[in-house]
Amino acid sequence: MLLEGVPGLAKTLTVSTLADVLGGSFRRVQFTPDLVPADLVGTRVLRPGMDGFDVELGPVHTNVLLADEVNRAPAKVQSALLEVMQERQVSIGGQTFPVPRPFLVLATQNPIESEGTYPLPEAQVDRFMFKLLLDYPSDHEEVAIVARSLDRPAAVERVLAPASLERFQAAARDIYVDRAVAQYAVNLVACTRRPREFGLEELVEQVEFGASPRGSLNLAHAAQALALLRGRHYALPRDVRDLARDILRHRLVLTYEALAEGVTPDAILDRVLAAVTEPEVQLSRGEERDARVERGPVRPEAVVRSAPDEERTAGGPDRLDPRPAA
């Protein structure tokens, strides 16, 4: 996850508090221009009295890693971090060391400074599942922040253990994703690449490159997790829609003309979400009741057909399951 916001918005405090709540180990790395990859992943160290070198593991070997101001480190350090995010392991001196599980990376960056920074290339930014934009709090919220700062800091209690978090991740992977929901996610991504096909002729001159297939994959996977948090065993198109901006905004490359006119990725995605129609299918009675409890009356355009129980159990043709059959 990539957090972007001006200084002083408690990005670091938010991540460290999240780590305390989730449990497990937590490490924070302040990215600076003089950082080298060995400072991050580890290196071999010659210790007195030992024959040969000893391996010193770096701070990436943790459950929750905070990469603070990731755009202040050189490109080779950023690449080392993103390689660990992808491979879930590091190689030091011909040996491979897997990182602990679960492994979560949260990075922050400051968008208002350009001196002494190394902006992440589009190909590297694309590896982050989410990009969240943090804005200033409202006056009422800021008064509450000031009042809390005058009192003793609140005690943070751990509510999960790493093993419990892994079980939740496994449960999210078992959430049913209908093919219509997956097609909706793909259509959103396709609209950013070929807007003319979806009636958005004006976006042709504003979007140079649309979202990659990682956008479709992450929309489906994130919809599974959101459905689990909402107490459902199946994903709906509105789960995809609610997450679309956070998952796709950093995957769009706008043209120079769009940037000169002040067009933002979120403005583009607003047009995309309005142009792409959600699947219109039918829920079972029990699922319809659950949907009403969750968000009020069910809108026909916001529901999706669920597979019959026997199809879910056996893995029917419309079920999307990335795991190979036994």
Protein backbone atom coordinates (compact mmCIF):
# COMPACT_ATOMS: atom_id res chain seq x y z
CA MET A 1 0.00 0.00 0.00
CA LEU A 2 1.26 3.48 -0.91
CA LEU A 3 0.20 6.42 1.25
CA GLU A 4 0.60 9.88 -0.24
CA GLY A 5 0.04 13.12 1.62
CA VAL A 6 1.68 16.32 2.78
CA PRO A 7 3.83 16.24 5.94
CA GLY A 8 2.15 16.18 9.33
CA LEU A 9 -0.85 13.98 8.51
CA ALA A 10 0.26 11.15 10.84
CA LYS A 11 1.03 8.69 8.07
CA THR A 12 3.84 7.12 10.07
CA LEU A 13 1.77 7.04 13.26
CA THR A 14 -1.09 5.39 11.38
CA VAL A 15 1.10 2.60 10.07
CA SER A 16 2.86 1.98 13.40
CA THR A 17 -0.51 1.86 15.18
CA LEU A 18 -1.79 -0.60 12.58
CA ALA A 19 1.24 -2.78 13.22
CA ASP A 20 0.59 -2.70 16.98
CA VAL A 21 -3.03 -3.72 16.44
CA LEU A 22 -2.19 -6.56 14.05
CA GLY A 23 0.64 -7.89 16.17
CA GLY A 24 3.81 -9.45 14.84
CA SER A 25 7.09 -7.69 14.23
CA PHE A 26 7.33 -4.13 12.90
CA ARG A 27 10.25 -2.26 11.35
CA ARG A 28 10.49 1.27 10.03
CA VAL A 29 13.02 2.34 7.42
CA GLN A 30 13.58 6.03 6.73
CA PHE A 31 14.53 6.22 3.07
CA THR A 32 17.35 8.68 2.35
CA PRO A 33 19.50 9.46 -0.71
CA ASP A 34 22.52 7.65 0.78
CA LEU A 35 20.64 4.38 1.41
CA VAL A 36 21.97 1.27 -0.37
CA PRO A 37 20.15 -2.04 -1.02
CA ALA A 38 22.21 -3.86 1.64
CA ASP A 39 20.78 -1.47 4.27
CA LEU A 40 17.37 -2.81 3.36
CA VAL A 41 17.68 -6.52 2.57
CA GLY A 42 20.84 -7.37 4.54
CA THR A 43 24.45 -8.20 3.80
CA ARG A 44 27.37 -10.44 4.75
CA VAL A 45 29.50 -9.30 7.69
CA LEU A 46 32.99 -10.44 8.68
CA ARG A 47 32.97 -10.90 12.44
CA PRO A 48 36.19 -11.18 14.48
CA GLY A 49 37.09 -14.73 15.43
CA MET A 50 34.94 -16.35 12.75
CA ASP A 51 36.03 -18.18 9.64
CA GLY A 52 34.16 -16.59 6.75
CA PHE A 53 31.24 -14.23 6.70
CA ASP A 54 28.06 -14.10 8.75
CA VAL A 55 24.73 -13.04 7.24
CA GLU A 56 23.11 -9.97 8.77
CA LEU A 57 19.45 -9.81 7.75
CA GLY A 58 18.02 -6.39 6.95
CA PRO A 59 14.86 -4.69 8.23
CA VAL A 60 12.70 -6.18 5.47
CA HIS A 61 12.61 -9.39 7.50
CA THR A 62 9.55 -8.43 9.48
CA ASN A 63 5.76 -8.83 9.37
CA VAL A 64 4.93 -5.15 8.82
CA LEU A 65 7.44 -2.90 7.07
CA LEU A 66 7.06 0.87 6.89
CA ALA A 67 9.05 2.40 4.03
CA ASP A 68 8.95 6.05 5.07
CA GLU A 69 9.35 8.61 2.26
CA VAL A 70 10.12 5.91 -0.28
CA ASN A 71 10.70 8.50 -3.01
CA ARG A 72 13.82 9.83 -1.25
CA ALA A 73 15.93 6.74 -1.93
CA PRO A 74 17.74 5.99 -5.21
CA ALA A 75 16.14 3.77 -7.81
CA LYS A 76 18.28 0.72 -6.93
CA VAL A 77 16.98 0.79 -3.34
CA GLN A 78 13.39 1.18 -4.51
CA SER A 79 13.89 -1.77 -6.86
CA ALA A 80 15.28 -3.89 -4.01
CA LEU A 81 12.18 -3.17 -1.93
CA LEU A 82 9.78 -3.93 -4.76
CA GLU A 83 11.63 -7.16 -5.54
CA VAL A 84 11.08 -8.33 -1.95
CA MET A 85 7.42 -7.37 -2.25
CA GLN A 86 7.09 -9.54 -5.35
CA GLU A 87 9.29 -12.52 -4.48
CA ARG A 88 8.75 -12.62 -0.69
CA GLN A 89 12.42 -13.53 -0.28
CA VAL A 90 15.93 -12.08 -0.57
CA SER A 91 19.20 -13.59 -1.75
CA ILE A 92 22.40 -12.79 0.16
CA GLY A 93 25.72 -14.41 -0.68
CA GLY A 94 24.11 -17.20 -2.66
CA GLN A 95 21.63 -18.03 0.12
CA THR A 96 17.89 -17.43 -0.03
CA PHE A 97 16.03 -16.10 2.99
CA PRO A 98 12.21 -15.93 2.92
CA VAL A 99 10.58 -13.04 4.74
CA PRO A 100 8.19 -13.81 7.62
CA ARG A 101 4.54 -14.47 6.94
CA PRO A 102 2.35 -12.52 6.77
CA PHE A 103 4.41 -9.80 5.07
CA LEU A 104 2.89 -6.35 4.59
CA VAL A 105 4.61 -3.31 3.08
CA LEU A 106 3.25 0.18 3.59
CA ALA A 107 5.15 3.03 1.96
CA THR A 108 4.70 6.77 2.30
CA GLN A 109 5.71 9.59 0.02
CA ASN A 110 5.53 13.36 0.08
CA PRO A 111 4.03 14.84 -3.11
CA ILE A 112 4.99 18.49 -2.56
CA GLU A 113 8.78 18.23 -2.63
CA SER A 114 10.90 17.45 -5.67
CA GLU A 115 14.44 18.34 -4.51
CA GLY A 116 16.39 15.32 -3.35
CA THR A 117 13.68 12.88 -4.40
CA TYR A 118 13.58 9.99 -6.86
CA PRO A 119 10.00 9.59 -8.13
CA LEU A 120 8.93 5.98 -8.46
CA PRO A 121 8.68 4.90 -12.12
CA GLU A 122 5.25 3.86 -13.33
CA ALA A 123 6.32 0.21 -13.61
CA GLN A 124 7.30 0.19 -9.94
CA VAL A 125 4.29 2.11 -8.66
CA ASP A 126 2.12 -0.47 -10.42
CA ARG A 127 3.33 -3.12 -7.95
CA PHE A 128 1.50 -1.45 -5.07
CA MET A 129 -2.01 -2.79 -4.62
CA PHE A 130 -3.45 0.46 -3.25
CA LYS A 131 -2.59 4.12 -3.38
CA LEU A 132 -4.38 6.17 -0.74
CA LEU A 133 -4.45 9.97 -0.85
CA LEU A 134 -4.47 11.67 2.54
CA ASP A 135 -5.85 15.20 2.83
CA TYR A 136 -5.94 17.74 5.64
CA PRO A 137 -8.46 17.02 8.43
CA SER A 138 -11.52 19.20 8.82
CA ASP A 139 -11.48 21.94 11.47
CA HIS A 140 -13.65 19.82 13.76
CA GLU A 141 -11.33 16.82 13.33
CA GLU A 142 -8.25 18.95 13.94
CA VAL A 143 -9.70 20.29 17.19
CA ALA A 144 -10.19 16.69 18.33
CA ILE A 145 -6.59 15.89 17.33
CA VAL A 146 -5.26 18.82 19.35
CA ALA A 147 -7.40 17.85 22.36
CA ARG A 148 -6.09 14.29 22.27
CA SER A 149 -2.50 15.50 22.03
CA LEU A 150 -2.96 17.35 25.33
CA ASP A 151 -3.90 14.15 27.12
CA ARG A 152 -1.94 10.99 27.74
CA PRO A 153 -1.48 8.83 24.64
CA ALA A 154 -4.09 6.12 24.34
CA ALA A 155 -2.92 2.58 24.93
CA VAL A 156 -2.96 0.47 21.77
CA GLU A 157 -4.16 -3.09 22.27
CA ARG A 158 -3.28 -5.95 19.99
CA VAL A 159 -6.40 -7.59 18.55
CA LEU A 160 -4.81 -10.09 16.17
CA ALA A 161 -1.83 -12.39 15.98
CA PRO A 162 0.11 -13.06 12.76
CA ALA A 163 -1.40 -16.55 12.55
CA SER A 164 -4.91 -15.09 12.84
CA LEU A 165 -4.17 -12.60 10.07
CA GLU A 166 -3.03 -15.45 7.83
CA ARG A 167 -6.31 -17.26 8.51
CA PHE A 168 -8.25 -14.17 7.49
CA GLN A 169 -6.18 -13.93 4.30
CA ALA A 170 -6.98 -17.56 3.53
CA ALA A 171 -10.68 -16.92 4.22
CA ALA A 172 -10.63 -13.97 1.81
CA ARG A 173 -9.21 -16.19 -0.93
CA ASP A 174 -12.21 -18.50 -0.51
CA ILE A 175 -14.76 -15.72 -1.11
CA TYR A 176 -16.83 -16.53 -4.19
CA VAL A 177 -16.23 -14.27 -7.20
CA ASP A 178 -18.78 -14.68 -9.95
CA ARG A 179 -17.57 -14.35 -13.52
CA ALA A 180 -19.82 -11.32 -13.97
CA VAL A 181 -18.01 -9.55 -11.12
CA ALA A 182 -14.65 -10.40 -12.67
CA GLN A 183 -15.87 -9.15 -16.04
CA TYR A 184 -16.94 -5.88 -14.42
CA ALA A 185 -13.44 -5.43 -13.01
CA VAL A 186 -11.91 -6.15 -16.41
CA ASN A 187 -14.31 -3.72 -18.10
CA LEU A 188 -13.25 -0.92 -15.75
CA VAL A 189 -9.61 -1.54 -16.60
CA ALA A 190 -10.35 -1.90 -20.32
CA CYS A 191 -12.16 1.45 -20.28
CA THR A 192 -8.95 3.16 -19.11
CA ARG A 193 -7.11 1.62 -22.09
CA ARG A 194 -9.75 1.97 -24.79
CA PRO A 195 -12.12 4.73 -23.65
CA ARG A 196 -13.50 5.25 -27.15
CA GLU A 197 -15.16 1.81 -27.03
CA PHE A 198 -17.08 2.90 -23.93
CA GLY A 199 -18.25 6.23 -25.33
CA LEU A 200 -15.56 8.35 -23.65
CA GLU A 201 -14.04 9.98 -26.70
CA GLU A 202 -12.66 12.90 -24.68
CA LEU A 203 -10.46 10.60 -22.58
CA VAL A 204 -8.49 9.46 -25.62
CA GLU A 205 -6.46 12.69 -25.50
CA GLN A 206 -6.06 12.58 -21.72
CA VAL A 207 -4.93 9.02 -20.96
CA GLU A 208 -1.64 7.93 -22.50
CA PHE A 209 -1.52 4.49 -20.87
CA GLY A 210 -4.35 2.76 -19.05
CA ALA A 211 -4.20 0.36 -16.13
CA SER A 212 -2.26 -2.91 -16.43
CA PRO A 213 -3.67 -6.41 -15.85
CA ARG A 214 -2.54 -6.02 -12.24
CA GLY A 215 -5.44 -3.61 -11.94
CA SER A 216 -7.97 -6.32 -12.83
CA LEU A 217 -6.30 -8.86 -10.55
CA ASN A 218 -6.13 -6.52 -7.59
CA LEU A 219 -9.73 -5.38 -8.07
CA ALA A 220 -10.92 -8.99 -7.83
CA HIS A 221 -8.69 -9.88 -4.88
CA ALA A 222 -9.52 -6.71 -2.96
CA ALA A 223 -13.24 -7.28 -3.60
CA GLN A 224 -12.87 -10.67 -1.92
CA ALA A 225 -11.35 -9.06 1.18
CA LEU A 226 -13.97 -6.29 1.30
CA ALA A 227 -16.79 -8.83 0.96
CA LEU A 228 -15.33 -10.73 3.92
CA LEU A 229 -15.18 -7.54 5.99
CA ARG A 230 -18.80 -6.84 5.06
CA GLY A 231 -19.83 -10.28 6.29
CA ARG A 232 -20.53 -11.94 2.95
CA HIS A 233 -19.23 -15.14 1.39
CA TYR A 234 -19.52 -13.70 -2.13
CA ALA A 235 -18.28 -10.52 -3.84
CA LEU A 236 -20.60 -7.98 -5.45
CA PRO A 237 -19.94 -5.40 -8.18
CA ARG A 238 -20.26 -2.63 -5.61
CA ASP A 239 -17.24 -4.09 -3.79
CA VAL A 240 -15.24 -3.59 -6.98
CA ARG A 241 -16.71 -0.13 -7.51
CA ASP A 242 -15.96 1.04 -3.97
CA LEU A 243 -12.29 0.07 -4.36
CA ALA A 244 -11.73 1.16 -7.96
CA ARG A 245 -10.21 4.59 -7.27
CA ASP A 246 -7.74 3.39 -4.65
CA ILE A 247 -6.59 0.50 -6.83
CA LEU A 248 -6.46 2.20 -10.24
CA ARG A 249 -5.44 5.83 -9.64
CA HIS A 250 -1.69 5.11 -9.61
CA ARG A 251 -1.87 2.87 -12.69
CA LEU A 252 -2.96 5.62 -15.11
CA VAL A 253 -0.41 7.59 -17.08
CA LEU A 254 -1.93 10.89 -18.19
CA THR A 255 -0.83 12.88 -21.22
CA TYR A 256 1.05 16.17 -20.93
CA GLU A 257 -2.07 17.98 -22.12
CA ALA A 258 -4.14 16.48 -19.31
CA LEU A 259 -1.52 17.33 -16.71
CA ALA A 260 -1.31 20.89 -18.02
CA GLU A 261 -5.07 21.24 -17.70
CA GLY A 262 -4.99 19.97 -14.12
CA VAL A 263 -6.84 16.72 -14.85
CA THR A 264 -6.41 14.17 -12.06
CA PRO A 265 -6.58 10.36 -12.24
CA ASP A 266 -9.57 10.43 -9.90
CA ALA A 267 -11.45 12.67 -12.32
CA ILE A 268 -10.72 10.18 -15.10
CA LEU A 269 -11.92 7.29 -12.92
CA ASP A 270 -15.13 9.12 -12.08
CA ARG A 271 -15.91 9.20 -15.80
CA VAL A 272 -14.94 5.53 -16.17
CA LEU A 273 -17.17 4.42 -13.28
CA ALA A 274 -20.08 6.37 -14.74
CA ALA A 275 -19.58 4.86 -18.22
CA VAL A 276 -19.14 1.18 -17.31
CA THR A 277 -22.41 -0.52 -16.39
CA GLU A 278 -22.51 -2.80 -13.37
CA PRO A 279 -23.78 -6.35 -13.92
CA GLU A 280 -27.53 -6.75 -13.41
CA VAL A 281 -28.37 -10.19 -12.05
CA GLN A 282 -30.30 -11.78 -9.22
CA LEU A 283 -29.48 -12.77 -5.65
CA SER A 284 -30.96 -15.65 -3.72
CA ARG A 285 -33.45 -14.79 -0.99
CA GLY A 286 -30.92 -15.27 1.79
CA GLU A 287 -28.29 -13.22 0.00
CA GLU A 288 -30.81 -10.51 -0.83
CA ARG A 289 -31.73 -10.29 2.85
CA ASP A 290 -28.05 -10.02 3.80
CA ALA A 291 -27.54 -7.27 1.22
CA ARG A 292 -30.48 -5.27 2.61
CA VAL A 293 -29.05 -5.49 6.10
CA GLU A 294 -25.67 -4.36 4.80
CA ARG A 295 -26.66 -1.32 2.75
CA GLY A 296 -30.42 -0.98 2.65
CA PRO A 297 -32.67 -2.02 -0.28
CA VAL A 298 -30.90 -3.86 -3.05
CA ARG A 299 -30.61 -1.98 -6.30
CA PRO A 300 -31.07 -4.23 -9.35
CA GLU A 301 -27.98 -2.86 -11.05
CA ALA A 302 -25.82 -3.48 -7.99
CA VAL A 303 -26.38 -7.20 -7.48
CA VAL A 304 -24.90 -10.23 -9.12
CA ARG A 305 -26.03 -13.79 -9.69
CA SER A 306 -24.53 -16.28 -7.27
CA ALA A 307 -23.79 -19.83 -8.31
CA PRO A 308 -25.96 -22.62 -6.90
CA ASP A 309 -24.72 -24.23 -3.71
CA GLU A 310 -23.69 -27.42 -5.47
CA GLU A 311 -21.71 -25.42 -8.04
CA ARG A 312 -19.87 -23.56 -5.29
CA THR A 313 -19.03 -26.80 -3.57
CA ALA A 314 -17.81 -28.60 -6.66
CA GLY A 315 -16.30 -25.58 -8.41
CA GLY A 316 -18.62 -24.81 -11.30
CA PRO A 317 -17.64 -23.33 -14.66
CA ASP A 318 -18.32 -19.74 -13.58
CA ARG A 319 -16.20 -19.90 -10.45
CA LEU A 320 -12.86 -18.13 -10.66
CA ASP A 321 -10.36 -20.15 -8.63
CA PRO A 322 -6.64 -19.53 -9.27
CA ARG A 323 -5.60 -22.70 -7.46
CA PRO A 324 -4.97 -25.79 -9.63
CA ALA A 325 -7.40 -28.66 -9.30
CA ALA A 326 -6.28 -31.49 -7.06
